């Protein structure tokens, strides 16, 4: 898994790629928490290049959402079809705001 963090229109964009599983999910969680603790509370997590996300990955993004909710939000952009299916099966498509493109997700703030 690779993680790239950048700023776009006062929104922190976190782009993940590869597989997110029990071996590396904590890295995604740490990256998100680091941004939140650094005062970046408008976050977009781009999942377009994530081929697989396990329950460990889901736990990390839910944990980050809970941490940021009091002062901001974590929104998801363009999850791959497989990741979208996992989000729906876990019922997380009703918890997260999910956008079909990075531009729409960033613009939603």
C-alpha atoms as a PDB file:
ATOM      1  CA  UNK A   1       0.000   0.000   0.000  1.00  0.00           C
ATOM      2  CA  UNK A   2       1.120   3.529  -0.777  1.00  0.00           C
ATOM      3  CA  UNK A   3      -0.224   6.722   0.769  1.00  0.00           C
ATOM      4  CA  UNK A   4       0.165  10.203  -0.695  1.00  0.00           C
ATOM      5  CA  UNK A   5      -1.009  13.305   1.195  1.00  0.00           C
ATOM      6  CA  UNK A   6      -1.527  16.707  -0.427  1.00  0.00           C
ATOM      7  CA  UNK A   7      -3.549  19.894   0.018  1.00  0.00           C
ATOM      8  CA  UNK A   8      -6.242  20.950  -2.426  1.00  0.00           C
ATOM      9  CA  UNK A   9      -8.449  24.012  -1.848  1.00  0.00           C
ATOM     10  CA  UNK A  10      -8.038  23.921   1.967  1.00  0.00           C
ATOM     11  CA  UNK A  11      -8.852  20.209   2.008  1.00  0.00           C
ATOM     12  CA  UNK A  12      -6.355  17.493   2.879  1.00  0.00           C
ATOM     13  CA  UNK A  13      -6.384  14.831   0.181  1.00  0.00           C
ATOM     14  CA  UNK A  14      -5.160  11.377   1.215  1.00  0.00           C
ATOM     15  CA  UNK A  15      -4.679   9.055  -1.754  1.00  0.00           C
ATOM     16  CA  UNK A  16      -4.224   5.373  -0.973  1.00  0.00           C
ATOM     17  CA  UNK A  17      -3.286   2.678  -3.465  1.00  0.00           C
ATOM     18  CA  UNK A  18      -2.745  -1.069  -3.404  1.00  0.00           C
ATOM     19  CA  UNK A  19      -4.070  -3.490  -0.802  1.00  0.00           C
ATOM     20  CA  UNK A  20      -5.177  -2.375   2.644  1.00  0.00           C
ATOM     21  CA  UNK A  21      -5.163  -5.387   4.940  1.00  0.00           C
ATOM     22  CA  UNK A  22      -4.316  -6.405   8.495  1.00  0.00           C
ATOM     23  CA  UNK A  23      -0.589  -6.109   7.772  1.00  0.00           C
ATOM     24  CA  UNK A  24      -0.657  -2.429   6.782  1.00  0.00           C
ATOM     25  CA  UNK A  25      -4.031  -0.920   7.753  1.00  0.00           C
ATOM     26  CA  UNK A  26      -2.421   0.756  10.770  1.00  0.00           C
ATOM     27  CA  UNK A  27      -0.282   2.826   8.372  1.00  0.00           C
ATOM     28  CA  UNK A  28      -3.419   4.305   6.808  1.00  0.00           C
ATOM     29  CA  UNK A  29      -4.873   4.960  10.259  1.00  0.00           C
ATOM     30  CA  UNK A  30      -1.667   6.644  11.411  1.00  0.00           C
ATOM     31  CA  UNK A  31      -1.572   8.860   8.308  1.00  0.00           C
ATOM     32  CA  UNK A  32      -5.176   9.963   8.842  1.00  0.00           C
ATOM     33  CA  UNK A  33      -4.735  10.583  12.587  1.00  0.00           C
ATOM     34  CA  UNK A  34      -1.506  12.515  11.963  1.00  0.00           C
ATOM     35  CA  UNK A  35      -3.398  14.870   9.640  1.00  0.00           C
ATOM     36  CA  UNK A  36      -6.300  15.263  12.082  1.00  0.00           C
ATOM     37  CA  UNK A  37      -3.978  15.952  15.011  1.00  0.00           C
ATOM     38  CA  UNK A  38      -2.140  18.450  12.811  1.00  0.00           C
ATOM     39  CA  UNK A  39      -5.346  20.449  12.510  1.00  0.00           C
ATOM     40  CA  UNK A  40      -6.390  19.216   9.082  1.00  0.00           C
ATOM     41  CA  UNK A  41     -10.030  18.368   9.715  1.00  0.00           C
ATOM     42  CA  UNK A  42     -11.441  18.518   6.180  1.00  0.00           C
ATOM     43  CA  UNK A  43     -10.212  15.242   4.749  1.00  0.00           C
ATOM     44  CA  UNK A  44     -10.893  13.363   1.539  1.00  0.00           C
ATOM     45  CA  UNK A  45      -9.701   9.774   1.287  1.00  0.00           C
ATOM     46  CA  UNK A  46      -9.335   8.774  -2.374  1.00  0.00           C
ATOM     47  CA  UNK A  47      -9.777   5.018  -2.764  1.00  0.00           C
ATOM     48  CA  UNK A  48      -9.716   4.783  -6.572  1.00  0.00           C
ATOM     49  CA  UNK A  49      -6.472   2.791  -6.621  1.00  0.00           C
ATOM     50  CA  UNK A  50      -7.240   0.492  -3.686  1.00  0.00           C
ATOM     51  CA  UNK A  51      -7.761  -3.064  -4.991  1.00  0.00           C
ATOM     52  CA  UNK A  52      -8.688  -4.598  -1.640  1.00  0.00           C
ATOM     53  CA  UNK A  53      -9.682  -3.392   1.809  1.00  0.00           C
ATOM     54  CA  UNK A  54     -10.064  -5.749   4.752  1.00  0.00           C
ATOM     55  CA  UNK A  55     -12.052  -5.193   7.920  1.00  0.00           C
ATOM     56  CA  UNK A  56      -8.843  -3.840   9.488  1.00  0.00           C
ATOM     57  CA  UNK A  57      -8.824  -1.058   6.900  1.00  0.00           C
ATOM     58  CA  UNK A  58     -12.486  -0.343   7.528  1.00  0.00           C
ATOM     59  CA  UNK A  59     -11.798  -0.081  11.267  1.00  0.00           C
ATOM     60  CA  UNK A  60      -9.045   2.473  10.640  1.00  0.00           C
ATOM     61  CA  UNK A  61     -11.207   4.753   8.502  1.00  0.00           C
ATOM     62  CA  UNK A  62     -14.137   4.514  10.950  1.00  0.00           C
ATOM     63  CA  UNK A  63     -11.774   5.356  13.813  1.00  0.00           C
ATOM     64  CA  UNK A  64     -10.469   8.404  11.921  1.00  0.00           C
ATOM     65  CA  UNK A  65     -14.041   9.486  11.135  1.00  0.00           C
ATOM     66  CA  UNK A  66     -14.973   9.328  14.827  1.00  0.00           C
ATOM     67  CA  UNK A  67     -11.906  11.368  15.768  1.00  0.00           C
ATOM     68  CA  UNK A  68     -12.539  14.129  13.202  1.00  0.00           C
ATOM     69  CA  UNK A  69     -16.337  14.359  13.450  1.00  0.00           C
ATOM     70  CA  UNK A  70     -16.388  16.903  16.306  1.00  0.00           C
ATOM     71  CA  UNK A  71     -14.542  19.506  14.240  1.00  0.00           C
ATOM     72  CA  UNK A  72     -14.611  18.374  10.604  1.00  0.00           C
ATOM     73  CA  UNK A  73     -15.294  15.397   8.358  1.00  0.00           C
ATOM     74  CA  UNK A  74     -13.677  12.547   6.454  1.00  0.00           C
ATOM     75  CA  UNK A  75     -15.227  11.950   3.041  1.00  0.00           C
ATOM     76  CA  UNK A  76     -14.477   9.176   0.579  1.00  0.00           C
ATOM     77  CA  UNK A  77     -13.803   9.647  -3.113  1.00  0.00           C
ATOM     78  CA  UNK A  78     -14.181   7.214  -5.997  1.00  0.00           C
ATOM     79  CA  UNK A  79     -13.820   3.880  -4.217  1.00  0.00           C
ATOM     80  CA  UNK A  80     -12.953   1.073  -6.601  1.00  0.00           C
ATOM     81  CA  UNK A  81     -15.897  -1.262  -7.327  1.00  0.00           C
ATOM     82  CA  UNK A  82     -14.509  -3.912  -4.965  1.00  0.00           C
ATOM     83  CA  UNK A  83     -14.008  -1.426  -2.127  1.00  0.00           C
ATOM     84  CA  UNK A  84     -17.471   0.082  -2.745  1.00  0.00           C
ATOM     85  CA  UNK A  85     -18.942  -3.401  -2.379  1.00  0.00           C
ATOM     86  CA  UNK A  86     -17.114  -3.916   0.938  1.00  0.00           C
ATOM     87  CA  UNK A  87     -18.306  -0.516   2.212  1.00  0.00           C
ATOM     88  CA  UNK A  88     -21.900  -1.410   1.294  1.00  0.00           C
ATOM     89  CA  UNK A  89     -21.710  -4.885   2.859  1.00  0.00           C
ATOM     90  CA  UNK A  90     -20.421  -3.341   6.097  1.00  0.00           C
ATOM     91  CA  UNK A  91     -23.145  -0.674   6.009  1.00  0.00           C
ATOM     92  CA  UNK A  92     -20.538   2.081   5.889  1.00  0.00           C
ATOM     93  CA  UNK A  93     -21.987   3.611   2.730  1.00  0.00           C
ATOM     94  CA  UNK A  94     -24.626   5.131   5.040  1.00  0.00           C
ATOM     95  CA  UNK A  95     -22.026   6.491   7.504  1.00  0.00           C
ATOM     96  CA  UNK A  96     -19.560   8.067   5.065  1.00  0.00           C
ATOM     97  CA  UNK A  97     -20.270  10.632   2.396  1.00  0.00           C
ATOM     98  CA  UNK A  98     -18.989   8.933  -0.768  1.00  0.00           C
ATOM     99  CA  UNK A  99     -18.360  10.878  -3.974  1.00  0.00           C
ATOM    100  CA  UNK A 100     -17.807   9.570  -7.518  1.00  0.00           C
ATOM    101  CA  UNK A 101     -14.803  11.845  -8.088  1.00  0.00           C
ATOM    102  CA  UNK A 102     -12.015  13.507  -6.169  1.00  0.00           C
ATOM    103  CA  UNK A 103     -13.121  16.916  -7.476  1.00  0.00           C
ATOM    104  CA  UNK A 104     -16.674  16.461  -6.171  1.00  0.00           C
ATOM    105  CA  UNK A 105     -15.443  15.236  -2.772  1.00  0.00           C
ATOM    106  CA  UNK A 106     -13.045  18.176  -2.348  1.00  0.00           C
ATOM    107  CA  UNK A 107     -15.705  20.607  -3.577  1.00  0.00           C
ATOM    108  CA  UNK A 108     -18.238  19.275  -1.061  1.00  0.00           C
ATOM    109  CA  UNK A 109     -16.500  21.144   1.766  1.00  0.00           C
END
